[in-house]
Amino acid sequence: MNNSSGKPHVVAVPFPALGHAIPLLDFAKLLASHGLTVSCVTTATNLPHLEYQLAQAISSSLDIRLLVLPTPTMEGLAVGIESFEQVPTEQCGLIFELAVKLEHPFNCWIEDQQGMEAPVCVMCDMLLGWNMEVIQKHNIPRVVFNTYGAFGLSVMRSAWLSALHNAIEEGGESIVLSLDLPAPLRFHSHEIDPNFFDPFMLQFLGCLQSLNESCGMLINAFE
């Protein structure tokens, strides 16, 4: 399932936030430098940011393409607002909803690619917990790209599991996380955001569950 040039075709799907997109784009450039074709998914408003980040790689003849998906209409979100950096904190949840709605146009594109342009792999940001039934139907491996280091990811997962199972141990000015960790970790209250366990953050951490449904995980742990 290579493209018309005979090279393996990989699709990179970043979450609509520059802090998530840039590490994935760096990895896309690395893959392209090894002779792969890489398609990077974006939306119209986010396109200039990705073009800027990829300009040098593309001008160096690396085979990197930009796939612009139609932006879904979102109630409460102004037209042209499509990234975390463009909204106040209280509207961040709308960007998550926008990212969820991108699943349909992406699946339609995948269906259209069957044949010479079909990807051999889809790399999704860890926050895109899409069902991915379409890529599974076509036996395309899905790999989760994690922008955090391995330690940070482990702590976030433990916090999410602990909140779900009401297993957070509190002691004075500190809390202890122990689920799914090799050893319990104690954190002082000033080390943890006071909103860390609110419903929105727990929904955010729930995206980590998508790691269990992928073929593998890439961790942004070293250069």
N, C-alpha and C. Protein backbone atom coordinates (compact mmCIF):
# COMPACT_ATOMS: atom_id res chain seq x y z
N MET A 1 0.83 -1.19 0.00
CA MET A 1 0.00 0.00 0.00
C MET A 1 0.88 1.25 0.00
N ASN A 2 1.74 1.40 -0.98
CA ASN A 2 2.57 2.58 -1.12
C ASN A 2 1.89 3.56 -2.06
N ASN A 3 2.39 4.80 -2.13
CA ASN A 3 1.81 5.75 -3.04
C ASN A 3 2.42 5.58 -4.43
N SER A 4 2.04 6.48 -5.35
CA SER A 4 2.46 6.32 -6.74
C SER A 4 3.96 6.42 -6.93
N SER A 5 4.67 7.02 -5.98
CA SER A 5 6.13 7.11 -6.09
C SER A 5 6.80 5.84 -5.60
N GLY A 6 6.03 4.91 -5.05
CA GLY A 6 6.60 3.66 -4.55
C GLY A 6 7.10 3.75 -3.13
N LYS A 7 6.96 4.93 -2.49
CA LYS A 7 7.44 5.10 -1.11
C LYS A 7 6.30 4.86 -0.11
N PRO A 8 6.62 4.33 1.06
CA PRO A 8 5.59 4.18 2.09
C PRO A 8 4.98 5.54 2.43
N HIS A 9 3.67 5.57 2.62
CA HIS A 9 2.94 6.80 2.89
C HIS A 9 2.41 6.76 4.32
N VAL A 10 2.83 7.71 5.14
CA VAL A 10 2.42 7.79 6.53
C VAL A 10 1.60 9.07 6.72
N VAL A 11 0.55 9.00 7.52
CA VAL A 11 -0.29 10.16 7.80
C VAL A 11 -0.10 10.57 9.25
N ALA A 12 0.19 11.85 9.47
CA ALA A 12 0.35 12.40 10.81
C ALA A 12 -0.83 13.29 11.14
N VAL A 13 -1.49 13.03 12.28
CA VAL A 13 -2.69 13.78 12.66
C VAL A 13 -2.44 14.47 14.00
N PRO A 14 -2.00 15.73 13.99
CA PRO A 14 -1.76 16.44 15.25
C PRO A 14 -3.04 16.97 15.87
N PHE A 15 -3.02 17.15 17.18
CA PHE A 15 -4.11 17.84 17.87
C PHE A 15 -4.00 19.32 17.55
N PRO A 16 -5.14 20.05 17.39
CA PRO A 16 -5.07 21.46 17.00
C PRO A 16 -4.57 22.38 18.12
N ALA A 17 -3.28 22.24 18.41
CA ALA A 17 -2.59 23.10 19.37
C ALA A 17 -1.12 23.07 18.98
N LEU A 18 -0.48 24.24 18.91
CA LEU A 18 0.91 24.28 18.44
C LEU A 18 1.84 23.44 19.31
N GLY A 19 1.59 23.43 20.62
CA GLY A 19 2.44 22.64 21.50
C GLY A 19 2.39 21.15 21.21
N HIS A 20 1.30 20.70 20.58
CA HIS A 20 1.18 19.30 20.19
C HIS A 20 1.62 19.10 18.74
N ALA A 21 1.33 20.08 17.89
CA ALA A 21 1.63 19.92 16.46
C ALA A 21 3.12 19.94 16.17
N ILE A 22 3.87 20.84 16.82
CA ILE A 22 5.28 21.01 16.48
C ILE A 22 6.11 19.74 16.73
N PRO A 23 5.97 19.05 17.89
CA PRO A 23 6.73 17.81 18.06
C PRO A 23 6.39 16.75 17.01
N LEU A 24 5.10 16.65 16.66
CA LEU A 24 4.71 15.65 15.65
C LEU A 24 5.25 16.03 14.28
N LEU A 25 5.27 17.33 13.96
CA LEU A 25 5.82 17.78 12.69
C LEU A 25 7.33 17.50 12.63
N ASP A 26 8.01 17.68 13.75
CA ASP A 26 9.45 17.36 13.78
C ASP A 26 9.68 15.89 13.47
N PHE A 27 8.81 15.03 14.02
CA PHE A 27 8.95 13.60 13.75
C PHE A 27 8.60 13.29 12.30
N ALA A 28 7.61 14.01 11.76
CA ALA A 28 7.24 13.84 10.35
C ALA A 28 8.42 14.16 9.44
N LYS A 29 9.14 15.23 9.78
CA LYS A 29 10.33 15.60 8.99
C LYS A 29 11.39 14.52 9.08
N LEU A 30 11.54 13.94 10.25
CA LEU A 30 12.52 12.86 10.42
C LEU A 30 12.15 11.65 9.55
N LEU A 31 10.88 11.29 9.53
CA LEU A 31 10.44 10.18 8.69
C LEU A 31 10.67 10.48 7.21
N ALA A 32 10.32 11.70 6.80
CA ALA A 32 10.50 12.08 5.40
C ALA A 32 11.97 12.06 5.00
N SER A 33 12.85 12.39 5.94
CA SER A 33 14.29 12.38 5.64
C SER A 33 14.81 10.97 5.41
N HIS A 34 14.03 9.97 5.83
CA HIS A 34 14.39 8.57 5.60
C HIS A 34 13.68 7.99 4.38
N GLY A 35 13.10 8.86 3.56
CA GLY A 35 12.55 8.42 2.29
C GLY A 35 11.07 8.09 2.27
N LEU A 36 10.34 8.47 3.33
CA LEU A 36 8.90 8.22 3.36
C LEU A 36 8.13 9.44 2.85
N THR A 37 6.92 9.20 2.40
CA THR A 37 5.98 10.27 2.12
C THR A 37 5.13 10.48 3.36
N VAL A 38 5.00 11.73 3.80
CA VAL A 38 4.23 12.03 5.01
C VAL A 38 3.17 13.07 4.69
N SER A 39 1.91 12.76 5.00
CA SER A 39 0.82 13.72 4.89
C SER A 39 0.47 14.22 6.28
N CYS A 40 0.49 15.55 6.48
CA CYS A 40 0.17 16.14 7.78
C CYS A 40 -1.22 16.77 7.72
N VAL A 41 -2.08 16.35 8.61
CA VAL A 41 -3.47 16.79 8.60
C VAL A 41 -3.60 18.14 9.33
N THR A 42 -4.41 19.04 8.76
CA THR A 42 -4.64 20.32 9.39
C THR A 42 -5.99 20.86 8.95
N THR A 43 -6.32 22.06 9.45
CA THR A 43 -7.53 22.77 9.01
C THR A 43 -7.10 24.10 8.42
N ALA A 44 -8.04 24.83 7.81
CA ALA A 44 -7.70 26.03 7.05
C ALA A 44 -6.96 27.08 7.88
N THR A 45 -7.47 27.37 9.08
CA THR A 45 -6.84 28.40 9.91
C THR A 45 -5.48 27.96 10.43
N ASN A 46 -5.33 26.69 10.69
CA ASN A 46 -4.05 26.19 11.20
C ASN A 46 -3.02 25.94 10.10
N LEU A 47 -3.46 25.97 8.84
CA LEU A 47 -2.57 25.68 7.71
C LEU A 47 -1.34 26.58 7.68
N PRO A 48 -1.46 27.92 7.83
CA PRO A 48 -0.25 28.77 7.77
C PRO A 48 0.79 28.40 8.82
N HIS A 49 0.33 27.98 10.01
CA HIS A 49 1.28 27.61 11.07
C HIS A 49 2.06 26.36 10.67
N LEU A 50 1.37 25.38 10.10
CA LEU A 50 2.05 24.16 9.68
C LEU A 50 2.96 24.43 8.48
N GLU A 51 2.50 25.28 7.57
CA GLU A 51 3.34 25.62 6.41
C GLU A 51 4.64 26.28 6.88
N TYR A 52 4.54 27.14 7.88
CA TYR A 52 5.73 27.81 8.42
C TYR A 52 6.68 26.80 9.04
N GLN A 53 6.13 25.87 9.83
CA GLN A 53 6.96 24.88 10.50
C GLN A 53 7.62 23.90 9.52
N LEU A 54 6.97 23.68 8.38
CA LEU A 54 7.46 22.67 7.43
C LEU A 54 8.15 23.27 6.21
N ALA A 55 8.20 24.61 6.11
CA ALA A 55 8.69 25.27 4.90
C ALA A 55 10.09 24.81 4.51
N GLN A 56 11.00 24.78 5.47
CA GLN A 56 12.37 24.40 5.15
C GLN A 56 12.46 22.95 4.70
N ALA A 57 11.70 22.08 5.35
CA ALA A 57 11.74 20.66 4.98
C ALA A 57 11.19 20.47 3.57
N ILE A 58 10.10 21.15 3.24
CA ILE A 58 9.51 21.01 1.91
C ILE A 58 10.42 21.60 0.85
N SER A 59 11.05 22.74 1.16
CA SER A 59 11.97 23.36 0.19
C SER A 59 13.22 22.51 -0.02
N SER A 60 13.49 21.61 0.94
CA SER A 60 14.64 20.70 0.81
C SER A 60 14.25 19.42 0.08
N SER A 61 13.07 19.44 -0.54
CA SER A 61 12.55 18.33 -1.35
C SER A 61 12.16 17.10 -0.54
N LEU A 62 11.93 17.28 0.77
CA LEU A 62 11.37 16.17 1.53
C LEU A 62 9.90 16.03 1.12
N ASP A 63 9.45 14.79 1.00
CA ASP A 63 8.10 14.53 0.49
C ASP A 63 7.08 14.64 1.62
N ILE A 64 6.77 15.89 1.99
CA ILE A 64 5.78 16.17 3.03
C ILE A 64 4.63 16.94 2.40
N ARG A 65 3.42 16.45 2.66
CA ARG A 65 2.23 17.08 2.09
C ARG A 65 1.33 17.57 3.22
N LEU A 66 0.52 18.57 2.91
CA LEU A 66 -0.43 19.09 3.88
C LEU A 66 -1.84 18.74 3.44
N LEU A 67 -2.55 18.05 4.31
CA LEU A 67 -3.92 17.63 4.02
C LEU A 67 -4.87 18.52 4.82
N VAL A 68 -5.61 19.37 4.13
CA VAL A 68 -6.51 20.33 4.79
C VAL A 68 -7.92 19.75 4.84
N LEU A 69 -8.38 19.48 6.05
CA LEU A 69 -9.74 18.95 6.24
C LEU A 69 -10.74 20.11 6.38
N PRO A 70 -11.97 19.93 5.91
CA PRO A 70 -12.98 20.97 6.12
C PRO A 70 -13.27 21.13 7.61
N THR A 71 -13.36 22.37 8.07
CA THR A 71 -13.58 22.64 9.48
C THR A 71 -15.05 22.50 9.84
N PRO A 72 -15.39 21.65 10.81
CA PRO A 72 -16.80 21.51 11.22
C PRO A 72 -17.31 22.79 11.87
N THR A 73 -18.60 23.03 11.76
CA THR A 73 -19.22 24.16 12.44
C THR A 73 -19.36 23.83 13.92
N MET A 74 -18.94 24.76 14.76
CA MET A 74 -19.00 24.55 16.21
C MET A 74 -19.79 25.67 16.87
N GLU A 75 -20.90 25.34 17.51
CA GLU A 75 -21.67 26.35 18.24
C GLU A 75 -20.84 26.87 19.40
N GLY A 76 -20.75 28.19 19.52
CA GLY A 76 -19.98 28.80 20.60
C GLY A 76 -18.56 29.13 20.20
N LEU A 77 -18.15 28.71 19.01
CA LEU A 77 -16.79 28.96 18.54
C LEU A 77 -16.88 29.81 17.27
N ALA A 78 -16.24 30.96 17.27
CA ALA A 78 -16.31 31.86 16.13
C ALA A 78 -15.63 31.24 14.91
N VAL A 79 -16.08 31.60 13.73
CA VAL A 79 -15.48 31.11 12.49
C VAL A 79 -14.01 31.51 12.45
N GLY A 80 -13.14 30.57 12.10
CA GLY A 80 -11.71 30.85 12.03
C GLY A 80 -10.96 30.56 13.31
N ILE A 81 -11.66 30.17 14.36
CA ILE A 81 -11.02 29.79 15.62
C ILE A 81 -10.92 28.27 15.64
N GLU A 82 -9.69 27.77 15.49
CA GLU A 82 -9.52 26.32 15.31
C GLU A 82 -8.35 25.74 16.09
N SER A 83 -7.83 26.50 17.07
CA SER A 83 -6.66 26.03 17.80
C SER A 83 -6.71 26.48 19.25
N PHE A 84 -6.06 25.72 20.12
CA PHE A 84 -6.02 26.02 21.55
C PHE A 84 -5.53 27.43 21.83
N GLU A 85 -4.55 27.90 21.04
CA GLU A 85 -3.93 29.19 21.30
C GLU A 85 -4.89 30.35 21.06
N GLN A 86 -6.00 30.09 20.40
CA GLN A 86 -6.92 31.16 20.00
C GLN A 86 -8.09 31.33 20.96
N VAL A 87 -8.20 30.51 21.99
CA VAL A 87 -9.36 30.58 22.87
C VAL A 87 -8.94 30.80 24.32
N PRO A 88 -9.80 31.45 25.12
CA PRO A 88 -9.53 31.54 26.56
C PRO A 88 -9.71 30.17 27.22
N THR A 89 -9.20 30.03 28.41
CA THR A 89 -9.23 28.74 29.11
C THR A 89 -10.63 28.15 29.19
N GLU A 90 -11.63 29.00 29.44
CA GLU A 90 -12.98 28.47 29.62
C GLU A 90 -13.58 27.91 28.34
N GLN A 91 -12.95 28.16 27.18
CA GLN A 91 -13.45 27.63 25.92
C GLN A 91 -12.61 26.49 25.36
N CYS A 92 -11.62 26.04 26.12
CA CYS A 92 -10.74 24.97 25.64
C CYS A 92 -11.52 23.71 25.29
N GLY A 93 -12.60 23.44 26.03
CA GLY A 93 -13.41 22.26 25.76
C GLY A 93 -13.98 22.25 24.36
N LEU A 94 -14.24 23.45 23.79
CA LEU A 94 -14.78 23.53 22.44
C LEU A 94 -13.76 23.07 21.40
N ILE A 95 -12.48 23.29 21.68
CA ILE A 95 -11.44 22.82 20.75
C ILE A 95 -11.38 21.29 20.78
N PHE A 96 -11.60 20.70 21.95
CA PHE A 96 -11.67 19.24 22.04
C PHE A 96 -12.84 18.72 21.20
N GLU A 97 -13.99 19.41 21.30
CA GLU A 97 -15.15 19.00 20.52
C GLU A 97 -14.89 19.16 19.02
N LEU A 98 -14.20 20.23 18.65
CA LEU A 98 -13.84 20.45 17.25
C LEU A 98 -12.97 19.30 16.75
N ALA A 99 -11.98 18.92 17.56
CA ALA A 99 -11.08 17.83 17.18
C ALA A 99 -11.83 16.53 16.99
N VAL A 100 -12.85 16.29 17.83
CA VAL A 100 -13.66 15.08 17.70
C VAL A 100 -14.42 15.08 16.38
N LYS A 101 -14.94 16.24 15.99
CA LYS A 101 -15.73 16.35 14.76
C LYS A 101 -14.89 16.21 13.49
N LEU A 102 -13.58 16.32 13.63
CA LEU A 102 -12.70 16.13 12.46
C LEU A 102 -12.60 14.66 12.06
N GLU A 103 -13.08 13.78 12.92
CA GLU A 103 -13.00 12.35 12.64
C GLU A 103 -13.73 11.99 11.34
N HIS A 104 -14.92 12.56 11.15
CA HIS A 104 -15.71 12.20 9.96
C HIS A 104 -15.01 12.60 8.66
N PRO A 105 -14.58 13.87 8.48
CA PRO A 105 -13.90 14.19 7.22
C PRO A 105 -12.60 13.41 7.03
N PHE A 106 -11.92 13.09 8.13
CA PHE A 106 -10.69 12.31 8.01
C PHE A 106 -11.01 10.90 7.51
N ASN A 107 -12.03 10.28 8.05
CA ASN A 107 -12.41 8.94 7.62
C ASN A 107 -12.84 8.93 6.15
N CYS A 108 -13.53 9.99 5.73
CA CYS A 108 -13.93 10.09 4.31
C CYS A 108 -12.69 10.14 3.43
N TRP A 109 -11.67 10.89 3.87
CA TRP A 109 -10.43 10.99 3.08
C TRP A 109 -9.73 9.62 3.01
N ILE A 110 -9.69 8.92 4.13
CA ILE A 110 -9.06 7.59 4.15
C ILE A 110 -9.74 6.66 3.16
N GLU A 111 -11.06 6.69 3.15
CA GLU A 111 -11.82 5.83 2.22
C GLU A 111 -11.44 6.15 0.77
N ASP A 112 -11.22 7.43 0.47
CA ASP A 112 -10.89 7.83 -0.90
C ASP A 112 -9.48 7.43 -1.31
N GLN A 113 -8.63 7.10 -0.33
CA GLN A 113 -7.22 6.83 -0.62
C GLN A 113 -6.94 5.36 -0.93
N GLN A 114 -7.94 4.50 -0.81
CA GLN A 114 -7.67 3.08 -0.99
C GLN A 114 -7.16 2.83 -2.41
N GLY A 115 -5.99 2.19 -2.47
CA GLY A 115 -5.32 1.99 -3.75
C GLY A 115 -3.89 2.50 -3.64
N MET A 116 -3.44 3.22 -4.62
CA MET A 116 -2.03 3.64 -4.68
C MET A 116 -1.66 4.64 -3.58
N GLU A 117 -2.62 5.45 -3.11
CA GLU A 117 -2.28 6.49 -2.14
C GLU A 117 -2.57 6.09 -0.70
N ALA A 118 -3.03 4.88 -0.47
CA ALA A 118 -3.40 4.48 0.88
C ALA A 118 -2.20 4.50 1.83
N PRO A 119 -2.35 5.02 3.05
CA PRO A 119 -1.22 5.06 3.99
C PRO A 119 -0.91 3.69 4.57
N VAL A 120 0.35 3.50 4.93
CA VAL A 120 0.76 2.27 5.61
C VAL A 120 0.63 2.41 7.12
N CYS A 121 0.44 3.66 7.58
CA CYS A 121 0.35 3.90 9.02
C CYS A 121 -0.30 5.26 9.25
N VAL A 122 -1.09 5.37 10.32
CA VAL A 122 -1.64 6.65 10.76
C VAL A 122 -1.09 6.94 12.15
N MET A 123 -0.44 8.10 12.32
CA MET A 123 0.08 8.52 13.62
C MET A 123 -0.85 9.60 14.16
N CYS A 124 -1.50 9.34 15.28
CA CYS A 124 -2.46 10.28 15.88
C CYS A 124 -1.91 10.83 17.19
N ASP A 125 -2.16 12.11 17.42
CA ASP A 125 -1.86 12.68 18.72
C ASP A 125 -2.64 11.92 19.79
N MET A 126 -2.06 11.83 20.97
CA MET A 126 -2.67 11.07 22.06
C MET A 126 -4.04 11.62 22.47
N LEU A 127 -4.32 12.90 22.18
CA LEU A 127 -5.60 13.48 22.58
C LEU A 127 -6.71 13.21 21.57
N LEU A 128 -6.38 12.61 20.46
CA LEU A 128 -7.38 12.29 19.46
C LEU A 128 -7.83 10.85 19.66
N GLY A 129 -8.71 10.65 20.60
CA GLY A 129 -9.17 9.30 20.92
C GLY A 129 -10.26 8.83 19.98
N TRP A 130 -10.04 9.02 18.68
CA TRP A 130 -11.02 8.61 17.68
C TRP A 130 -11.17 7.10 17.67
N ASN A 131 -12.35 6.65 17.25
CA ASN A 131 -12.63 5.23 17.20
C ASN A 131 -11.76 4.51 16.16
N MET A 132 -11.54 5.17 15.02
CA MET A 132 -10.66 4.65 13.97
C MET A 132 -11.16 3.35 13.36
N GLU A 133 -12.48 3.17 13.31
CA GLU A 133 -13.02 1.96 12.68
C GLU A 133 -12.63 1.85 11.22
N VAL A 134 -12.52 3.00 10.54
CA VAL A 134 -12.22 2.98 9.10
C VAL A 134 -10.80 2.48 8.84
N ILE A 135 -9.82 2.96 9.60
CA ILE A 135 -8.46 2.47 9.34
C ILE A 135 -8.33 1.00 9.76
N GLN A 136 -9.09 0.60 10.79
CA GLN A 136 -9.07 -0.81 11.17
C GLN A 136 -9.67 -1.68 10.07
N LYS A 137 -10.73 -1.17 9.43
CA LYS A 137 -11.37 -1.90 8.34
C LYS A 137 -10.39 -2.16 7.20
N HIS A 138 -9.49 -1.22 6.97
CA HIS A 138 -8.52 -1.35 5.89
C HIS A 138 -7.16 -1.86 6.39
N ASN A 139 -7.14 -2.35 7.63
CA ASN A 139 -5.91 -2.93 8.21
C ASN A 139 -4.74 -1.96 8.20
N ILE A 140 -5.02 -0.70 8.47
CA ILE A 140 -3.96 0.30 8.57
C ILE A 140 -3.57 0.46 10.04
N PRO A 141 -2.32 0.22 10.40
CA PRO A 141 -1.92 0.36 11.80
C PRO A 141 -2.09 1.80 12.29
N ARG A 142 -2.51 1.93 13.53
CA ARG A 142 -2.62 3.25 14.17
C ARG A 142 -1.61 3.32 15.31
N VAL A 143 -0.79 4.35 15.28
CA VAL A 143 0.22 4.56 16.32
C VAL A 143 -0.09 5.88 17.02
N VAL A 144 -0.04 5.88 18.35
CA VAL A 144 -0.32 7.08 19.12
C VAL A 144 0.98 7.84 19.36
N PHE A 145 0.95 9.15 19.06
CA PHE A 145 2.12 10.01 19.31
C PHE A 145 1.86 10.79 20.59
N ASN A 146 2.76 10.63 21.55
CA ASN A 146 2.63 11.29 22.85
C ASN A 146 3.64 12.42 22.95
N THR A 147 3.15 13.65 23.17
CA THR A 147 4.04 14.80 23.22
C THR A 147 4.75 14.94 24.55
N TYR A 148 4.30 14.20 25.56
CA TYR A 148 4.93 14.26 26.87
C TYR A 148 6.05 13.23 26.97
N GLY A 149 6.91 13.40 27.97
CA GLY A 149 7.91 12.38 28.24
C GLY A 149 7.26 11.18 28.92
N ALA A 150 8.01 10.09 29.03
CA ALA A 150 7.46 8.86 29.59
C ALA A 150 7.02 9.04 31.05
N PHE A 151 7.80 9.79 31.83
CA PHE A 151 7.45 9.98 33.24
C PHE A 151 6.16 10.78 33.37
N GLY A 152 6.06 11.89 32.63
CA GLY A 152 4.87 12.72 32.69
C GLY A 152 3.62 11.95 32.28
N LEU A 153 3.76 11.13 31.24
CA LEU A 153 2.63 10.32 30.78
C LEU A 153 2.20 9.33 31.86
N SER A 154 3.16 8.71 32.53
CA SER A 154 2.86 7.74 33.58
C SER A 154 2.12 8.40 34.74
N VAL A 155 2.55 9.60 35.11
CA VAL A 155 1.90 10.31 36.22
C VAL A 155 0.47 10.70 35.84
N MET A 156 0.29 11.19 34.60
CA MET A 156 -1.05 11.58 34.16
C MET A 156 -1.99 10.37 34.14
N ARG A 157 -1.49 9.25 33.65
CA ARG A 157 -2.34 8.05 33.60
C ARG A 157 -2.69 7.58 35.01
N SER A 158 -1.73 7.63 35.92
CA SER A 158 -2.00 7.21 37.29
C SER A 158 -3.02 8.13 37.95
N ALA A 159 -2.91 9.44 37.68
CA ALA A 159 -3.86 10.40 38.27
C ALA A 159 -5.27 10.12 37.75
N TRP A 160 -5.38 9.82 36.45
CA TRP A 160 -6.68 9.55 35.85
C TRP A 160 -7.29 8.27 36.45
N LEU A 161 -6.50 7.21 36.53
CA LEU A 161 -6.99 5.96 37.10
C LEU A 161 -7.36 6.13 38.58
N SER A 162 -6.53 6.88 39.29
CA SER A 162 -6.79 7.09 40.72
C SER A 162 -8.10 7.84 40.94
N ALA A 163 -8.36 8.85 40.09
CA ALA A 163 -9.60 9.61 40.20
C ALA A 163 -10.80 8.74 39.85
N LEU A 164 -10.65 7.92 38.81
CA LEU A 164 -11.75 7.04 38.40
C LEU A 164 -12.13 6.05 39.49
N HIS A 165 -11.12 5.53 40.17
CA HIS A 165 -11.36 4.49 41.18
C HIS A 165 -11.34 5.05 42.61
N ASN A 166 -11.38 6.37 42.71
CA ASN A 166 -11.39 7.02 44.03
C ASN A 166 -10.24 6.51 44.90
N ALA A 167 -9.07 6.43 44.30
CA ALA A 167 -7.92 5.84 45.00
C ALA A 167 -6.80 6.85 45.25
N ILE A 168 -7.16 8.14 45.26
CA ILE A 168 -6.16 9.16 45.55
C ILE A 168 -5.99 9.27 47.06
N GLU A 169 -4.78 9.06 47.52
CA GLU A 169 -4.50 9.13 48.95
C GLU A 169 -4.09 10.55 49.32
N GLU A 170 -4.81 11.17 50.22
CA GLU A 170 -4.49 12.53 50.66
C GLU A 170 -3.94 12.50 52.07
N GLY A 171 -2.92 13.31 52.26
CA GLY A 171 -2.32 13.39 53.59
C GLY A 171 -1.78 14.78 53.85
N GLY A 172 -2.56 15.59 54.56
CA GLY A 172 -2.12 16.94 54.86
C GLY A 172 -1.97 17.78 53.61
N GLU A 173 -0.77 18.23 53.36
CA GLU A 173 -0.49 19.10 52.22
C GLU A 173 -0.01 18.32 51.00
N SER A 174 -0.26 17.02 50.97
CA SER A 174 0.24 16.23 49.84
C SER A 174 -0.78 15.16 49.44
N ILE A 175 -0.58 14.64 48.22
CA ILE A 175 -1.36 13.49 47.77
C ILE A 175 -0.39 12.42 47.27
N VAL A 176 -0.85 11.19 47.29
CA VAL A 176 -0.02 10.07 46.83
C VAL A 176 -0.73 9.36 45.68
N LEU A 177 -0.02 9.16 44.59
CA LEU A 177 -0.52 8.39 43.45
C LEU A 177 0.19 7.05 43.43
N SER A 178 -0.58 5.97 43.27
CA SER A 178 0.06 4.66 43.31
C SER A 178 -0.40 3.72 42.20
N LEU A 179 -1.57 3.97 41.60
CA LEU A 179 -2.08 3.05 40.59
C LEU A 179 -1.25 3.08 39.32
N ASP A 180 -0.92 1.89 38.81
CA ASP A 180 -0.22 1.75 37.53
C ASP A 180 1.15 2.41 37.53
N LEU A 181 1.78 2.48 38.70
CA LEU A 181 3.14 3.02 38.81
C LEU A 181 4.02 1.97 39.49
N PRO A 182 5.31 1.93 39.16
CA PRO A 182 6.19 0.93 39.81
C PRO A 182 6.35 1.18 41.30
N ALA A 183 6.16 2.44 41.73
CA ALA A 183 6.24 2.78 43.16
C ALA A 183 5.37 4.00 43.40
N PRO A 184 4.76 4.14 44.59
CA PRO A 184 3.92 5.32 44.87
C PRO A 184 4.72 6.61 44.76
N LEU A 185 4.04 7.68 44.31
CA LEU A 185 4.67 8.99 44.20
C LEU A 185 3.90 9.99 45.06
N ARG A 186 4.62 10.75 45.87
CA ARG A 186 4.00 11.76 46.72
C ARG A 186 4.25 13.15 46.13
N PHE A 187 3.19 13.94 46.01
CA PHE A 187 3.29 15.30 45.50
C PHE A 187 2.75 16.28 46.52
N HIS A 188 3.48 17.37 46.74
CA HIS A 188 2.97 18.44 47.59
C HIS A 188 1.89 19.20 46.84
N SER A 189 0.97 19.80 47.57
CA SER A 189 -0.18 20.46 46.94
C SER A 189 0.24 21.56 45.97
N HIS A 190 1.35 22.25 46.24
CA HIS A 190 1.77 23.33 45.36
C HIS A 190 2.33 22.80 44.02
N GLU A 191 2.57 21.48 43.93
CA GLU A 191 3.09 20.89 42.70
C GLU A 191 1.98 20.48 41.73
N ILE A 192 0.75 20.55 42.18
CA ILE A 192 -0.37 20.09 41.36
C ILE A 192 -1.37 21.23 41.15
N ASP A 193 -1.75 21.42 39.90
CA ASP A 193 -2.75 22.44 39.56
C ASP A 193 -4.04 22.15 40.33
N PRO A 194 -4.63 23.15 40.98
CA PRO A 194 -5.86 22.91 41.76
C PRO A 194 -7.02 22.41 40.89
N ASN A 195 -6.96 22.64 39.58
CA ASN A 195 -8.03 22.18 38.69
C ASN A 195 -7.75 20.80 38.09
N PHE A 196 -6.68 20.15 38.56
CA PHE A 196 -6.24 18.92 37.92
C PHE A 196 -7.29 17.83 37.93
N PHE A 197 -8.12 17.79 38.96
CA PHE A 197 -9.09 16.71 39.08
C PHE A 197 -10.53 17.18 38.82
N ASP A 198 -10.68 18.34 38.16
CA ASP A 198 -12.04 18.76 37.83
C ASP A 198 -12.55 17.95 36.64
N PRO A 199 -13.87 17.94 36.37
CA PRO A 199 -14.44 17.08 35.32
C PRO A 199 -13.80 17.27 33.95
N PHE A 200 -13.50 18.54 33.57
CA PHE A 200 -12.90 18.78 32.26
C PHE A 200 -11.53 18.12 32.16
N MET A 201 -10.72 18.26 33.21
CA MET A 201 -9.39 17.68 33.17
C MET A 201 -9.46 16.15 33.15
N LEU A 202 -10.42 15.57 33.86
CA LEU A 202 -10.55 14.12 33.85
C LEU A 202 -10.97 13.63 32.46
N GLN A 203 -11.80 14.41 31.77
CA GLN A 203 -12.17 14.06 30.40
C GLN A 203 -10.93 14.12 29.51
N PHE A 204 -10.10 15.14 29.74
CA PHE A 204 -8.84 15.30 29.01
C PHE A 204 -7.94 14.08 29.24
N LEU A 205 -7.80 13.68 30.50
CA LEU A 205 -6.94 12.54 30.82
C LEU A 205 -7.51 11.24 30.28
N GLY A 206 -8.85 11.20 30.12
CA GLY A 206 -9.48 9.99 29.60
C GLY A 206 -9.02 9.65 28.19
N CYS A 207 -8.49 10.65 27.48
CA CYS A 207 -7.97 10.38 26.14
C CYS A 207 -6.80 9.40 26.18
N LEU A 208 -6.19 9.27 27.35
CA LEU A 208 -5.07 8.33 27.47
C LEU A 208 -5.53 6.90 27.21
N GLN A 209 -6.83 6.66 27.38
CA GLN A 209 -7.35 5.32 27.15
C GLN A 209 -7.14 4.88 25.71
N SER A 210 -7.06 5.86 24.79
CA SER A 210 -6.87 5.53 23.38
C SER A 210 -5.53 4.83 23.15
N LEU A 211 -4.60 4.99 24.10
CA LEU A 211 -3.31 4.32 23.96
C LEU A 211 -3.49 2.80 23.93
N ASN A 212 -4.51 2.32 24.65
CA ASN A 212 -4.72 0.88 24.74
C ASN A 212 -5.29 0.29 23.45
N GLU A 213 -5.80 1.15 22.56
CA GLU A 213 -6.46 0.68 21.35
C GLU A 213 -5.58 0.85 20.12
N SER A 214 -4.31 1.18 20.32
CA SER A 214 -3.41 1.41 19.19
C SER A 214 -2.42 0.26 19.05
N CYS A 215 -1.71 0.26 17.93
CA CYS A 215 -0.70 -0.78 17.69
C CYS A 215 0.60 -0.47 18.41
N GLY A 216 0.77 0.78 18.82
CA GLY A 216 2.01 1.15 19.48
C GLY A 216 1.96 2.61 19.90
N MET A 217 3.00 3.05 20.58
CA MET A 217 3.06 4.41 21.09
C MET A 217 4.44 5.00 20.84
N LEU A 218 4.47 6.25 20.40
CA LEU A 218 5.71 6.99 20.23
C LEU A 218 5.77 8.03 21.34
N ILE A 219 6.89 8.08 22.07
CA ILE A 219 7.03 9.01 23.19
C ILE A 219 8.11 10.03 22.87
N ASN A 220 7.77 11.30 23.05
CA ASN A 220 8.69 12.40 22.76
C ASN A 220 9.65 12.58 23.92
N ALA A 221 10.53 11.58 24.12
CA ALA A 221 11.37 11.56 25.32
C ALA A 221 12.80 12.03 25.08
N PHE A 222 13.28 11.96 23.85
CA PHE A 222 14.65 12.41 23.59
C PHE A 222 14.78 12.80 22.13
N GLU A 223 15.83 13.57 21.82
CA GLU A 223 16.01 14.08 20.46
C GLU A 223 16.62 13.02 19.56
